[in-house]
């Protein structure tokens, strides 16, 4: 939400999708030795991925992500991310962003 309020056209993140697939954060992604088979080309390690189960998990993640975004938009009084602006952010006065705020009602004292 913060990125959209600051003017981003898109926000990309793979962490949630990786966790939905079953990533255990073994930090072996670049070694071709991922123990759960997500980031490897080794057929023996890839056998740990059940596509039927994992596709349902990723689908649920995307559905819930969209639902949560819709709830946050509703709470801000917006119908789409394009309506979000800097004025929708709560910025504490001690924040490094505070000097850039043009609307004084946005800064919390």
N, C-alpha and C. Protein backbone atom coordinates (compact mmCIF):
# COMPACT_ATOMS: atom_id res chain seq x y z
N UNK A 1 0.82 -1.18 0.00
CA UNK A 1 0.00 0.00 0.00
C UNK A 1 0.87 1.25 0.00
N UNK A 2 1.94 1.22 0.77
CA UNK A 2 2.82 2.39 0.84
C UNK A 2 3.38 2.71 -0.53
N UNK A 3 3.83 1.68 -1.24
CA UNK A 3 4.40 1.90 -2.57
C UNK A 3 3.38 2.51 -3.51
N UNK A 4 2.14 2.04 -3.47
CA UNK A 4 1.09 2.62 -4.32
C UNK A 4 0.80 4.06 -3.92
N UNK A 5 0.79 4.34 -2.62
CA UNK A 5 0.56 5.71 -2.16
C UNK A 5 1.68 6.65 -2.61
N UNK A 6 2.87 6.11 -2.74
CA UNK A 6 4.01 6.92 -3.16
C UNK A 6 4.13 7.02 -4.68
N UNK A 7 3.19 6.39 -5.41
CA UNK A 7 3.16 6.55 -6.85
C UNK A 7 3.60 5.37 -7.68
N UNK A 8 3.86 4.23 -7.06
CA UNK A 8 4.28 3.06 -7.84
C UNK A 8 3.15 2.58 -8.74
N UNK A 9 3.50 2.17 -9.94
CA UNK A 9 2.51 1.63 -10.88
C UNK A 9 2.27 0.15 -10.62
N UNK A 10 3.26 -0.52 -10.03
CA UNK A 10 3.15 -1.95 -9.75
C UNK A 10 4.07 -2.29 -8.59
N UNK A 11 3.74 -3.37 -7.91
CA UNK A 11 4.57 -3.87 -6.80
C UNK A 11 4.75 -5.36 -7.03
N UNK A 12 6.00 -5.80 -7.02
CA UNK A 12 6.30 -7.20 -7.27
C UNK A 12 6.98 -7.80 -6.04
N UNK A 13 6.55 -9.00 -5.69
CA UNK A 13 7.17 -9.71 -4.58
C UNK A 13 7.03 -11.20 -4.82
N UNK A 14 8.12 -11.92 -4.68
CA UNK A 14 8.08 -13.37 -4.88
C UNK A 14 8.03 -14.14 -3.57
N UNK A 15 8.35 -13.49 -2.46
CA UNK A 15 8.45 -14.20 -1.18
C UNK A 15 7.16 -14.94 -0.82
N UNK A 16 6.03 -14.28 -0.93
CA UNK A 16 4.76 -14.92 -0.59
C UNK A 16 4.47 -16.13 -1.46
N UNK A 17 4.77 -16.02 -2.75
CA UNK A 17 4.55 -17.14 -3.65
C UNK A 17 5.48 -18.30 -3.31
N UNK A 18 6.72 -17.98 -2.99
CA UNK A 18 7.67 -19.02 -2.62
C UNK A 18 7.22 -19.75 -1.36
N UNK A 19 6.74 -19.00 -0.37
CA UNK A 19 6.27 -19.62 0.86
C UNK A 19 5.01 -20.44 0.61
N UNK A 20 4.13 -19.96 -0.28
CA UNK A 20 2.93 -20.72 -0.62
C UNK A 20 3.30 -22.04 -1.30
N UNK A 21 4.39 -22.04 -2.06
CA UNK A 21 4.86 -23.27 -2.71
C UNK A 21 5.49 -24.25 -1.72
N UNK A 22 5.86 -23.76 -0.54
CA UNK A 22 6.44 -24.63 0.47
C UNK A 22 7.89 -24.34 0.78
N UNK A 23 8.38 -23.18 0.35
CA UNK A 23 9.78 -22.81 0.63
C UNK A 23 10.03 -22.82 2.14
N UNK A 24 11.14 -23.43 2.53
CA UNK A 24 11.50 -23.46 3.95
C UNK A 24 12.67 -22.51 4.24
N UNK A 25 13.01 -21.69 3.27
CA UNK A 25 14.08 -20.69 3.39
C UNK A 25 15.40 -21.33 3.84
N UNK A 26 15.78 -22.38 3.12
CA UNK A 26 17.03 -23.08 3.42
C UNK A 26 18.24 -22.33 2.86
N UNK A 27 18.00 -21.25 2.11
CA UNK A 27 19.05 -20.41 1.55
C UNK A 27 19.98 -21.18 0.62
N UNK A 28 19.40 -22.10 -0.16
CA UNK A 28 20.18 -22.87 -1.12
C UNK A 28 19.67 -22.65 -2.54
N UNK A 29 18.99 -21.54 -2.77
CA UNK A 29 18.34 -21.28 -4.06
C UNK A 29 19.33 -21.27 -5.22
N UNK A 30 20.47 -20.68 -5.06
CA UNK A 30 21.43 -20.57 -6.15
C UNK A 30 22.36 -21.75 -6.28
N UNK A 31 22.22 -22.76 -5.44
CA UNK A 31 23.13 -23.90 -5.45
C UNK A 31 22.57 -25.13 -6.17
N UNK A 32 21.33 -25.02 -6.66
CA UNK A 32 20.66 -26.15 -7.31
C UNK A 32 20.46 -27.32 -6.34
N UNK A 33 20.37 -27.01 -5.04
CA UNK A 33 20.20 -28.05 -4.03
C UNK A 33 19.02 -27.77 -3.11
N UNK A 34 18.03 -27.06 -3.60
CA UNK A 34 16.85 -26.73 -2.79
C UNK A 34 16.23 -28.00 -2.23
N UNK A 35 16.17 -28.15 -0.91
CA UNK A 35 15.68 -29.41 -0.33
C UNK A 35 14.21 -29.71 -0.59
N UNK A 36 13.41 -28.70 -0.91
CA UNK A 36 12.00 -28.96 -1.20
C UNK A 36 11.72 -28.99 -2.70
N UNK A 37 12.75 -28.74 -3.53
CA UNK A 37 12.63 -28.89 -4.97
C UNK A 37 12.10 -27.71 -5.74
N UNK A 38 11.98 -26.56 -5.12
CA UNK A 38 11.41 -25.41 -5.80
C UNK A 38 12.41 -24.75 -6.74
N UNK A 39 13.62 -24.51 -6.28
CA UNK A 39 14.62 -23.79 -7.08
C UNK A 39 15.76 -24.71 -7.49
N UNK A 40 15.41 -25.83 -8.07
CA UNK A 40 16.44 -26.77 -8.52
C UNK A 40 16.03 -27.39 -9.85
N UNK A 41 17.00 -27.84 -10.59
CA UNK A 41 16.75 -28.57 -11.83
C UNK A 41 17.00 -30.06 -11.63
N UNK A 42 17.33 -30.44 -10.42
CA UNK A 42 17.58 -31.85 -10.10
C UNK A 42 16.25 -32.59 -10.02
N UNK A 43 16.01 -33.55 -10.92
CA UNK A 43 14.74 -34.28 -10.93
C UNK A 43 14.44 -35.00 -9.62
N UNK A 44 15.45 -35.46 -8.94
CA UNK A 44 15.23 -36.15 -7.66
C UNK A 44 14.68 -35.20 -6.60
N UNK A 45 15.20 -33.98 -6.56
CA UNK A 45 14.72 -33.00 -5.60
C UNK A 45 13.35 -32.44 -6.01
N UNK A 46 13.10 -32.33 -7.31
CA UNK A 46 11.83 -31.80 -7.80
C UNK A 46 10.66 -32.73 -7.49
N UNK A 47 10.93 -33.98 -7.23
CA UNK A 47 9.85 -34.91 -6.91
C UNK A 47 9.10 -34.51 -5.65
N UNK A 48 9.68 -33.66 -4.83
CA UNK A 48 9.02 -33.21 -3.60
C UNK A 48 7.89 -32.23 -3.83
N UNK A 49 7.73 -31.76 -5.05
CA UNK A 49 6.66 -30.79 -5.35
C UNK A 49 5.46 -31.53 -5.91
N UNK A 50 4.36 -31.52 -5.19
CA UNK A 50 3.09 -32.08 -5.66
C UNK A 50 2.31 -30.93 -6.31
N UNK A 51 2.30 -30.89 -7.64
CA UNK A 51 1.71 -29.77 -8.37
C UNK A 51 0.25 -29.55 -8.00
N UNK A 52 -0.50 -30.62 -7.82
CA UNK A 52 -1.92 -30.48 -7.47
C UNK A 52 -2.13 -29.75 -6.16
N UNK A 53 -1.35 -30.11 -5.15
CA UNK A 53 -1.46 -29.49 -3.83
C UNK A 53 -0.90 -28.07 -3.87
N UNK A 54 0.26 -27.90 -4.48
CA UNK A 54 0.91 -26.59 -4.49
C UNK A 54 0.13 -25.57 -5.30
N UNK A 55 -0.51 -26.01 -6.40
CA UNK A 55 -1.29 -25.05 -7.19
C UNK A 55 -2.48 -24.53 -6.40
N UNK A 56 -3.08 -25.40 -5.59
CA UNK A 56 -4.18 -24.94 -4.72
C UNK A 56 -3.67 -23.94 -3.69
N UNK A 57 -2.49 -24.18 -3.14
CA UNK A 57 -1.93 -23.27 -2.14
C UNK A 57 -1.62 -21.90 -2.75
N UNK A 58 -1.05 -21.90 -3.96
CA UNK A 58 -0.74 -20.63 -4.62
C UNK A 58 -2.03 -19.90 -4.99
N UNK A 59 -3.02 -20.64 -5.45
CA UNK A 59 -4.31 -20.04 -5.77
C UNK A 59 -4.94 -19.40 -4.54
N UNK A 60 -4.91 -20.09 -3.41
CA UNK A 60 -5.44 -19.53 -2.17
C UNK A 60 -4.68 -18.29 -1.75
N UNK A 61 -3.35 -18.31 -1.92
CA UNK A 61 -2.53 -17.15 -1.57
C UNK A 61 -2.94 -15.94 -2.41
N UNK A 62 -3.08 -16.13 -3.72
CA UNK A 62 -3.45 -15.02 -4.60
C UNK A 62 -4.84 -14.50 -4.24
N UNK A 63 -5.77 -15.40 -4.02
CA UNK A 63 -7.14 -14.99 -3.66
C UNK A 63 -7.13 -14.17 -2.38
N UNK A 64 -6.43 -14.63 -1.36
CA UNK A 64 -6.39 -13.91 -0.09
C UNK A 64 -5.62 -12.60 -0.20
N UNK A 65 -4.59 -12.56 -1.02
CA UNK A 65 -3.84 -11.33 -1.25
C UNK A 65 -4.75 -10.27 -1.87
N UNK A 66 -5.52 -10.67 -2.89
CA UNK A 66 -6.46 -9.76 -3.52
C UNK A 66 -7.53 -9.29 -2.53
N UNK A 67 -8.03 -10.22 -1.73
CA UNK A 67 -9.05 -9.88 -0.74
C UNK A 67 -8.51 -8.86 0.27
N UNK A 68 -7.31 -9.09 0.76
CA UNK A 68 -6.71 -8.16 1.73
C UNK A 68 -6.47 -6.79 1.12
N UNK A 69 -6.04 -6.75 -0.14
CA UNK A 69 -5.84 -5.46 -0.81
C UNK A 69 -7.17 -4.72 -0.95
N UNK A 70 -8.23 -5.44 -1.30
CA UNK A 70 -9.55 -4.82 -1.41
C UNK A 70 -10.01 -4.27 -0.06
N UNK A 71 -9.76 -4.99 1.02
CA UNK A 71 -10.14 -4.51 2.35
C UNK A 71 -9.36 -3.24 2.72
N UNK A 72 -8.06 -3.23 2.43
CA UNK A 72 -7.26 -2.04 2.73
C UNK A 72 -7.70 -0.84 1.89
N UNK A 73 -8.03 -1.09 0.64
CA UNK A 73 -8.54 -0.01 -0.21
C UNK A 73 -9.86 0.52 0.33
N UNK A 74 -10.74 -0.38 0.73
CA UNK A 74 -12.03 0.05 1.29
C UNK A 74 -11.85 0.87 2.55
N UNK A 75 -10.92 0.45 3.38
CA UNK A 75 -10.67 1.17 4.63
C UNK A 75 -10.12 2.57 4.36
N UNK A 76 -9.44 2.74 3.23
CA UNK A 76 -8.90 4.05 2.90
C UNK A 76 -9.89 4.90 2.11
N UNK A 77 -11.04 4.31 1.76
CA UNK A 77 -12.05 5.04 1.01
C UNK A 77 -11.80 5.06 -0.48
N UNK A 78 -10.95 4.16 -0.97
CA UNK A 78 -10.60 4.12 -2.39
C UNK A 78 -11.18 2.86 -3.03
N UNK A 79 -11.44 2.96 -4.33
CA UNK A 79 -11.94 1.81 -5.07
C UNK A 79 -10.84 1.09 -5.85
N UNK A 80 -9.71 1.77 -6.10
CA UNK A 80 -8.60 1.14 -6.80
C UNK A 80 -7.29 1.74 -6.31
N UNK A 81 -6.19 1.08 -6.62
CA UNK A 81 -4.88 1.57 -6.19
C UNK A 81 -4.55 2.89 -6.89
N UNK A 82 -5.18 3.16 -8.03
CA UNK A 82 -4.92 4.40 -8.76
C UNK A 82 -5.44 5.63 -8.01
N UNK A 83 -6.36 5.42 -7.09
CA UNK A 83 -6.91 6.53 -6.29
C UNK A 83 -6.05 6.85 -5.08
N UNK A 84 -5.13 5.98 -4.72
CA UNK A 84 -4.28 6.20 -3.56
C UNK A 84 -3.31 7.34 -3.81
N UNK A 85 -3.04 8.09 -2.78
CA UNK A 85 -2.08 9.19 -2.90
C UNK A 85 -1.29 9.29 -1.60
N UNK A 86 -0.34 10.20 -1.61
CA UNK A 86 0.49 10.44 -0.45
C UNK A 86 -0.37 10.82 0.77
N UNK A 87 -1.50 11.44 0.52
CA UNK A 87 -2.38 11.87 1.61
C UNK A 87 -3.03 10.71 2.35
N UNK A 88 -2.99 9.51 1.80
CA UNK A 88 -3.56 8.34 2.47
C UNK A 88 -2.59 7.70 3.46
N UNK A 89 -1.37 8.20 3.50
CA UNK A 89 -0.37 7.66 4.42
C UNK A 89 -0.42 8.37 5.77
N UNK A 90 -0.17 7.62 6.81
CA UNK A 90 0.03 8.18 8.14
C UNK A 90 1.53 8.29 8.33
N UNK A 91 2.02 9.52 8.48
CA UNK A 91 3.46 9.72 8.58
C UNK A 91 3.77 10.41 9.90
N UNK A 92 4.42 9.69 10.82
CA UNK A 92 4.80 10.30 12.11
C UNK A 92 5.75 11.47 11.89
N UNK A 93 5.70 12.46 12.74
CA UNK A 93 6.52 13.66 12.58
C UNK A 93 8.02 13.36 12.64
N UNK A 94 8.42 12.29 13.33
CA UNK A 94 9.84 11.95 13.42
C UNK A 94 10.32 11.10 12.23
N UNK A 95 9.42 10.80 11.30
CA UNK A 95 9.77 9.99 10.14
C UNK A 95 10.66 10.78 9.18
N UNK A 96 11.48 10.06 8.42
CA UNK A 96 12.32 10.73 7.42
C UNK A 96 11.49 11.28 6.27
N UNK A 97 10.25 10.81 6.12
CA UNK A 97 9.37 11.33 5.08
C UNK A 97 8.67 12.62 5.48
N UNK A 98 8.64 12.92 6.77
CA UNK A 98 7.90 14.08 7.26
C UNK A 98 8.27 15.39 6.58
N UNK A 99 9.53 15.68 6.29
CA UNK A 99 9.85 16.96 5.62
C UNK A 99 9.25 17.08 4.22
N UNK A 100 8.89 15.99 3.60
CA UNK A 100 8.37 16.01 2.23
C UNK A 100 6.86 16.12 2.17
N UNK A 101 6.20 16.07 3.32
CA UNK A 101 4.75 16.11 3.35
C UNK A 101 4.29 17.55 3.13
N UNK A 102 3.40 17.72 2.15
CA UNK A 102 2.89 19.06 1.87
C UNK A 102 1.60 19.33 2.63
N UNK A 103 0.87 18.27 2.98
CA UNK A 103 -0.38 18.42 3.71
C UNK A 103 -0.09 18.25 5.20
N UNK A 104 -0.25 19.31 5.98
CA UNK A 104 0.10 19.25 7.41
C UNK A 104 -0.78 18.31 8.21
N UNK A 105 -1.98 17.99 7.69
CA UNK A 105 -2.86 17.08 8.43
C UNK A 105 -2.38 15.63 8.36
N UNK A 106 -1.47 15.32 7.45
CA UNK A 106 -0.97 13.96 7.31
C UNK A 106 0.06 13.63 8.36
N UNK A 107 0.81 14.61 8.81
CA UNK A 107 1.88 14.37 9.77
C UNK A 107 1.31 14.30 11.18
N UNK A 108 1.67 13.22 11.87
CA UNK A 108 1.22 13.06 13.26
C UNK A 108 2.27 13.67 14.18
N UNK A 109 1.81 14.52 15.07
CA UNK A 109 2.73 15.19 15.99
C UNK A 109 2.79 14.44 17.29
